[in-house]
Amino acid sequence: MTEIIFLVESDVEGGYIAQALGESIITQADDLESLKQEIKDAVHCHFIDETLRPKIIRLDIVQEAVGKQ
């Protein structure tokens, strides 16, 4: 695997939640900078074998729409 994509959404209790697409990795943090570090740590823990670890981590940040059309 060369890359992994995380869906990032605001947490109802504040901060952010990130979930990997296609893998069972979920993490959370109070701000985006902390979340990035948490994601890196979670990926390293999930892929113990370094040869299987994705080289690229992408974040797909989802924000709620503002208002109606």
PDB file of N, CA and C in Angstrom:
ATOM      1  N   MET A   1       0.851  -1.174   0.000  1.00  0.00           N
ATOM      2  CA  MET A   1       0.000   0.000   0.000  1.00  0.00           C
ATOM      3  C   MET A   1       0.894   1.234   0.000  1.00  0.00           C
ATOM      4  N   THR A   2       0.617   2.124  -0.948  1.00  0.00           N
ATOM      5  CA  THR A   2       1.447   3.324  -1.021  1.00  0.00           C
ATOM      6  C   THR A   2       0.839   4.512  -0.303  1.00  0.00           C
ATOM      7  N   GLU A   3      -0.501   4.520  -0.155  1.00  0.00           N
ATOM      8  CA  GLU A   3      -1.120   5.632   0.551  1.00  0.00           C
ATOM      9  C   GLU A   3      -2.358   5.176   1.314  1.00  0.00           C
ATOM     10  N   ILE A   4      -2.734   5.991   2.291  1.00  0.00           N
ATOM     11  CA  ILE A   4      -3.934   5.751   3.081  1.00  0.00           C
ATOM     12  C   ILE A   4      -4.663   7.084   3.193  1.00  0.00           C
ATOM     13  N   ILE A   5      -5.988   7.027   3.149  1.00  0.00           N
ATOM     14  CA  ILE A   5      -6.799   8.243   3.202  1.00  0.00           C
ATOM     15  C   ILE A   5      -7.648   8.218   4.463  1.00  0.00           C
ATOM     16  N   PHE A   6      -7.641   9.346   5.176  1.00  0.00           N
ATOM     17  CA  PHE A   6      -8.456   9.507   6.381  1.00  0.00           C
ATOM     18  C   PHE A   6      -9.563  10.515   6.112  1.00  0.00           C
ATOM     19  N   LEU A   7     -10.779  10.163   6.499  1.00  0.00           N
ATOM     20  CA  LEU A   7     -11.908  11.074   6.476  1.00  0.00           C
ATOM     21  C   LEU A   7     -11.912  11.812   7.804  1.00  0.00           C
ATOM     22  N   VAL A   8     -11.827  13.130   7.760  1.00  0.00           N
ATOM     23  CA  VAL A   8     -11.745  13.958   8.969  1.00  0.00           C
ATOM     24  C   VAL A   8     -13.030  14.776   9.098  1.00  0.00           C
ATOM     25  N   GLU A   9     -13.661  14.681  10.266  1.00  0.00           N
ATOM     26  CA  GLU A   9     -14.893  15.417  10.529  1.00  0.00           C
ATOM     27  C   GLU A   9     -14.815  16.063  11.910  1.00  0.00           C
ATOM     28  N   SER A  10     -15.603  17.111  12.094  1.00  0.00           N
ATOM     29  CA  SER A  10     -15.703  17.738  13.419  1.00  0.00           C
ATOM     30  C   SER A  10     -16.416  16.780  14.360  1.00  0.00           C
ATOM     31  N   ASP A  11     -15.919  16.709  15.590  1.00  0.00           N
ATOM     32  CA  ASP A  11     -16.551  15.889  16.624  1.00  0.00           C
ATOM     33  C   ASP A  11     -17.643  16.712  17.300  1.00  0.00           C
ATOM     34  N   VAL A  12     -18.777  16.110  17.589  1.00  0.00           N
ATOM     35  CA  VAL A  12     -19.880  16.837  18.226  1.00  0.00           C
ATOM     36  C   VAL A  12     -19.476  17.372  19.602  1.00  0.00           C
ATOM     37  N   GLU A  13     -18.497  16.739  20.230  1.00  0.00           N
ATOM     38  CA  GLU A  13     -18.031  17.171  21.552  1.00  0.00           C
ATOM     39  C   GLU A  13     -16.844  18.130  21.460  1.00  0.00           C
ATOM     40  N   GLY A  14     -16.504  18.550  20.252  1.00  0.00           N
ATOM     41  CA  GLY A  14     -15.372  19.451  20.030  1.00  0.00           C
ATOM     42  C   GLY A  14     -14.184  18.693  19.472  1.00  0.00           C
ATOM     43  N   GLY A  15     -13.354  19.366  18.737  1.00  0.00           N
ATOM     44  CA  GLY A  15     -12.192  18.741  18.130  1.00  0.00           C
ATOM     45  C   GLY A  15     -12.549  18.031  16.837  1.00  0.00           C
ATOM     46  N   TYR A  16     -11.744  17.016  16.510  1.00  0.00           N
ATOM     47  CA  TYR A  16     -11.895  16.312  15.243  1.00  0.00           C
ATOM     48  C   TYR A  16     -11.769  14.810  15.433  1.00  0.00           C
ATOM     49  N   ILE A  17     -12.430  14.067  14.521  1.00  0.00           N
ATOM     50  CA  ILE A  17     -12.314  12.607  14.464  1.00  0.00           C
ATOM     51  C   ILE A  17     -11.824  12.248  13.064  1.00  0.00           C
ATOM     52  N   ALA A  18     -10.889  11.313  12.991  1.00  0.00           N
ATOM     53  CA  ALA A  18     -10.374  10.846  11.707  1.00  0.00           C
ATOM     54  C   ALA A  18     -10.535   9.337  11.624  1.00  0.00           C
ATOM     55  N   GLN A  19     -11.050   8.865  10.485  1.00  0.00           N
ATOM     56  CA  GLN A  19     -11.231   7.430  10.258  1.00  0.00           C
ATOM     57  C   GLN A  19     -10.623   7.070   8.914  1.00  0.00           C
ATOM     58  N   ALA A  20      -9.781   6.036   8.912  1.00  0.00           N
ATOM     59  CA  ALA A  20      -9.148   5.584   7.681  1.00  0.00           C
ATOM     60  C   ALA A  20     -10.166   4.872   6.799  1.00  0.00           C
ATOM     61  N   LEU A  21     -10.103   5.133   5.509  1.00  0.00           N
ATOM     62  CA  LEU A  21     -10.966   4.445   4.564  1.00  0.00           C
ATOM     63  C   LEU A  21     -10.336   3.091   4.224  1.00  0.00           C
ATOM     64  N   GLY A  22     -11.089   2.021   4.434  1.00  0.00           N
ATOM     65  CA  GLY A  22     -10.597   0.688   4.104  1.00  0.00           C
ATOM     66  C   GLY A  22      -9.773   0.023   5.185  1.00  0.00           C
ATOM     67  N   GLU A  23      -9.550   0.700   6.288  1.00  0.00           N
ATOM     68  CA  GLU A  23      -8.795   0.136   7.410  1.00  0.00           C
ATOM     69  C   GLU A  23      -9.553   0.449   8.699  1.00  0.00           C
ATOM     70  N   SER A  24      -9.288  -0.296   9.734  1.00  0.00           N
ATOM     71  CA  SER A  24      -9.962  -0.058  11.019  1.00  0.00           C
ATOM     72  C   SER A  24      -9.084   0.807  11.921  1.00  0.00           C
ATOM     73  N   ILE A  25      -8.869   2.049  11.483  1.00  0.00           N
ATOM     74  CA  ILE A  25      -8.080   3.010  12.249  1.00  0.00           C
ATOM     75  C   ILE A  25      -8.951   4.241  12.487  1.00  0.00           C
ATOM     76  N   ILE A  26      -9.152   4.579  13.755  1.00  0.00           N
ATOM     77  CA  ILE A  26      -9.908   5.773  14.136  1.00  0.00           C
ATOM     78  C   ILE A  26      -9.134   6.481  15.244  1.00  0.00           C
ATOM     79  N   THR A  27      -9.051   7.803  15.143  1.00  0.00           N
ATOM     80  CA  THR A  27      -8.393   8.582  16.185  1.00  0.00           C
ATOM     81  C   THR A  27      -9.059   9.948  16.284  1.00  0.00           C
ATOM     82  N   GLN A  28      -8.739  10.682  17.333  1.00  0.00           N
ATOM     83  CA  GLN A  28      -9.331  12.008  17.521  1.00  0.00           C
ATOM     84  C   GLN A  28      -8.347  12.919  18.228  1.00  0.00           C
ATOM     85  N   ALA A  29      -8.613  14.238  18.112  1.00  0.00           N
ATOM     86  CA  ALA A  29      -7.774  15.240  18.775  1.00  0.00           C
ATOM     87  C   ALA A  29      -8.540  16.554  18.856  1.00  0.00           C
ATOM     88  N   ASP A  30      -8.016  17.478  19.662  1.00  0.00           N
ATOM     89  CA  ASP A  30      -8.666  18.769  19.874  1.00  0.00           C
ATOM     90  C   ASP A  30      -8.485  19.745  18.717  1.00  0.00           C
ATOM     91  N   ASP A  31      -7.377  19.625  17.971  1.00  0.00           N
ATOM     92  CA  ASP A  31      -7.126  20.533  16.855  1.00  0.00           C
ATOM     93  C   ASP A  31      -6.469  19.765  15.710  1.00  0.00           C
ATOM     94  N   LEU A  32      -6.407  20.384  14.538  1.00  0.00           N
ATOM     95  CA  LEU A  32      -5.900  19.689  13.355  1.00  0.00           C
ATOM     96  C   LEU A  32      -4.422  19.324  13.456  1.00  0.00           C
ATOM     97  N   GLU A  33      -3.618  20.186  14.039  1.00  0.00           N
ATOM     98  CA  GLU A  33      -2.187  19.870  14.173  1.00  0.00           C
ATOM     99  C   GLU A  33      -1.988  18.636  15.068  1.00  0.00           C
ATOM    100  N   SER A  34      -2.700  18.578  16.173  1.00  0.00           N
ATOM    101  CA  SER A  34      -2.619  17.413  17.061  1.00  0.00           C
ATOM    102  C   SER A  34      -3.173  16.178  16.372  1.00  0.00           C
ATOM    103  N   LEU A  35      -4.225  16.360  15.589  1.00  0.00           N
ATOM    104  CA  LEU A  35      -4.823  15.229  14.871  1.00  0.00           C
ATOM    105  C   LEU A  35      -3.833  14.628  13.883  1.00  0.00           C
ATOM    106  N   LYS A  36      -3.086  15.459  13.197  1.00  0.00           N
ATOM    107  CA  LYS A  36      -2.087  14.951  12.250  1.00  0.00           C
ATOM    108  C   LYS A  36      -1.078  14.046  12.950  1.00  0.00           C
ATOM    109  N   GLN A  37      -0.627  14.449  14.119  1.00  0.00           N
ATOM    110  CA  GLN A  37       0.324  13.619  14.865  1.00  0.00           C
ATOM    111  C   GLN A  37      -0.332  12.331  15.347  1.00  0.00           C
ATOM    112  N   GLU A  38      -1.578  12.420  15.820  1.00  0.00           N
ATOM    113  CA  GLU A  38      -2.307  11.234  16.258  1.00  0.00           C
ATOM    114  C   GLU A  38      -2.494  10.246  15.113  1.00  0.00           C
ATOM    115  N   ILE A  39      -2.767  10.762  13.911  1.00  0.00           N
ATOM    116  CA  ILE A  39      -2.933   9.902  12.735  1.00  0.00           C
ATOM    117  C   ILE A  39      -1.625   9.190  12.412  1.00  0.00           C
ATOM    118  N   LYS A  40      -0.520   9.921  12.423  1.00  0.00           N
ATOM    119  CA  LYS A  40       0.786   9.296  12.162  1.00  0.00           C
ATOM    120  C   LYS A  40       1.065   8.185  13.172  1.00  0.00           C
ATOM    121  N   ASP A  41       0.815   8.454  14.448  1.00  0.00           N
ATOM    122  CA  ASP A  41       1.033   7.450  15.491  1.00  0.00           C
ATOM    123  C   ASP A  41       0.137   6.233  15.277  1.00  0.00           C
ATOM    124  N   ALA A  42      -1.129   6.475  14.930  1.00  0.00           N
ATOM    125  CA  ALA A  42      -2.072   5.375  14.723  1.00  0.00           C
ATOM    126  C   ALA A  42      -1.661   4.508  13.531  1.00  0.00           C
ATOM    127  N   VAL A  43      -1.196   5.137  12.469  1.00  0.00           N
ATOM    128  CA  VAL A  43      -0.743   4.386  11.283  1.00  0.00           C
ATOM    129  C   VAL A  43       0.470   3.540  11.635  1.00  0.00           C
ATOM    130  N   HIS A  44       1.408   4.098  12.402  1.00  0.00           N
ATOM    131  CA  HIS A  44       2.593   3.335  12.811  1.00  0.00           C
ATOM    132  C   HIS A  44       2.212   2.152  13.697  1.00  0.00           C
ATOM    133  N   CYS A  45       1.236   2.331  14.559  1.00  0.00           N
ATOM    134  CA  CYS A  45       0.796   1.231  15.427  1.00  0.00           C
ATOM    135  C   CYS A  45       0.041   0.154  14.643  1.00  0.00           C
ATOM    136  N   HIS A  46      -0.767   0.582  13.682  1.00  0.00           N
ATOM    137  CA  HIS A  46      -1.583  -0.359  12.909  1.00  0.00           C
ATOM    138  C   HIS A  46      -0.729  -1.193  11.957  1.00  0.00           C
ATOM    139  N   PHE A  47       0.245  -0.545  11.309  1.00  0.00           N
ATOM    140  CA  PHE A  47       1.133  -1.229  10.369  1.00  0.00           C
ATOM    141  C   PHE A  47       2.487  -1.423  11.035  1.00  0.00           C
ATOM    142  N   ILE A  48       2.574  -2.429  11.870  1.00  0.00           N
ATOM    143  CA  ILE A  48       3.812  -2.694  12.608  1.00  0.00           C
ATOM    144  C   ILE A  48       4.960  -3.003  11.650  1.00  0.00           C
ATOM    145  N   ASP A  49       4.639  -3.783  10.605  1.00  0.00           N
ATOM    146  CA  ASP A  49       5.643  -4.117   9.588  1.00  0.00           C
ATOM    147  C   ASP A  49       5.867  -2.888   8.702  1.00  0.00           C
ATOM    148  N   GLU A  50       7.041  -2.318   8.795  1.00  0.00           N
ATOM    149  CA  GLU A  50       7.355  -1.084   8.076  1.00  0.00           C
ATOM    150  C   GLU A  50       7.219  -1.229   6.563  1.00  0.00           C
ATOM    151  N   THR A  51       7.436  -2.420   6.032  1.00  0.00           N
ATOM    152  CA  THR A  51       7.325  -2.619   4.585  1.00  0.00           C
ATOM    153  C   THR A  51       5.875  -2.540   4.104  1.00  0.00           C
ATOM    154  N   LEU A  52       4.920  -2.747   4.994  1.00  0.00           N
ATOM    155  CA  LEU A  52       3.496  -2.668   4.641  1.00  0.00           C
ATOM    156  C   LEU A  52       2.894  -1.299   4.931  1.00  0.00           C
ATOM    157  N   ARG A  53       3.614  -0.457   5.649  1.00  0.00           N
ATOM    158  CA  ARG A  53       3.123   0.852   6.071  1.00  0.00           C
ATOM    159  C   ARG A  53       3.009   1.805   4.872  1.00  0.00           C
ATOM    160  N   PRO A  54       1.874   2.495   4.735  1.00  0.00           N
ATOM    161  CA  PRO A  54       1.721   3.463   3.634  1.00  0.00           C
ATOM    162  C   PRO A  54       2.750   4.583   3.735  1.00  0.00           C
ATOM    163  N   LYS A  55       3.246   4.998   2.593  1.00  0.00           N
ATOM    164  CA  LYS A  55       4.244   6.079   2.554  1.00  0.00           C
ATOM    165  C   LYS A  55       3.577   7.450   2.559  1.00  0.00           C
ATOM    166  N   ILE A  56       2.312   7.513   2.099  1.00  0.00           N
ATOM    167  CA  ILE A  56       1.582   8.779   2.014  1.00  0.00           C
ATOM    168  C   ILE A  56       0.311   8.681   2.846  1.00  0.00           C
ATOM    169  N   ILE A  57       0.067   9.710   3.653  1.00  0.00           N
ATOM    170  CA  ILE A  57      -1.173   9.807   4.441  1.00  0.00           C
ATOM    171  C   ILE A  57      -1.909  11.048   3.950  1.00  0.00           C
ATOM    172  N   ARG A  58      -3.126  10.837   3.427  1.00  0.00           N
ATOM    173  CA  ARG A  58      -3.934  11.952   2.934  1.00  0.00           C
ATOM    174  C   ARG A  58      -5.124  12.173   3.863  1.00  0.00           C
ATOM    175  N   LEU A  59      -5.489  13.439   4.022  1.00  0.00           N
ATOM    176  CA  LEU A  59      -6.641  13.783   4.840  1.00  0.00           C
ATOM    177  C   LEU A  59      -7.718  14.384   3.945  1.00  0.00           C
ATOM    178  N   ASP A  60      -8.933  13.853   4.047  1.00  0.00           N
ATOM    179  CA  ASP A  60     -10.098  14.397   3.356  1.00  0.00           C
ATOM    180  C   ASP A  60     -10.941  15.066   4.433  1.00  0.00           C
ATOM    181  N   ILE A  61     -10.841  16.387   4.544  1.00  0.00           N
ATOM    182  CA  ILE A  61     -11.509  17.122   5.613  1.00  0.00           C
ATOM    183  C   ILE A  61     -12.900  17.536   5.148  1.00  0.00           C
ATOM    184  N   VAL A  62     -13.914  17.027   5.855  1.00  0.00           N
ATOM    185  CA  VAL A  62     -15.307  17.286   5.510  1.00  0.00           C
ATOM    186  C   VAL A  62     -15.847  18.372   6.427  1.00  0.00           C
ATOM    187  N   GLN A  63     -16.438  19.386   5.831  1.00  0.00           N
ATOM    188  CA  GLN A  63     -17.035  20.461   6.603  1.00  0.00           C
ATOM    189  C   GLN A  63     -18.518  20.530   6.266  1.00  0.00           C
ATOM    190  N   GLU A  64     -19.314  20.904   7.232  1.00  0.00           N
ATOM    191  CA  GLU A  64     -20.746  21.025   7.012  1.00  0.00           C
ATOM    192  C   GLU A  64     -21.045  22.197   6.079  1.00  0.00           C
ATOM    193  N   ALA A  65     -22.070  22.021   5.275  1.00  0.00           N
ATOM    194  CA  ALA A  65     -22.516  23.102   4.401  1.00  0.00           C
ATOM    195  C   ALA A  65     -23.128  24.218   5.236  1.00  0.00           C
ATOM    196  N   VAL A  66     -23.007  25.435   4.767  1.00  0.00           N
ATOM    197  CA  VAL A  66     -23.557  26.574   5.476  1.00  0.00           C
ATOM    198  C   VAL A  66     -24.830  27.025   4.756  1.00  0.00           C
ATOM    199  N   GLY A  67     -25.958  26.898   5.434  1.00  0.00           N
ATOM    200  CA  GLY A  67     -27.216  27.351   4.867  1.00  0.00           C
ATOM    201  C   GLY A  67     -27.774  26.455   3.787  1.00  0.00           C
ATOM    202  N   LYS A  68     -28.930  26.861   3.248  1.00  0.00           N
ATOM    203  CA  LYS A  68     -29.602  26.115   2.182  1.00  0.00           C
ATOM    204  C   LYS A  68     -29.558  26.940   0.915  1.00  0.00           C
ATOM    205  N   GLN A  69     -29.734  26.268  -0.187  1.00  0.00           N
ATOM    206  CA  GLN A  69     -29.745  26.969  -1.486  1.00  0.00           C
ATOM    207  C   GLN A  69     -31.084  27.569  -1.766  1.00  0.00           C
TER     208      GLN A  69
END
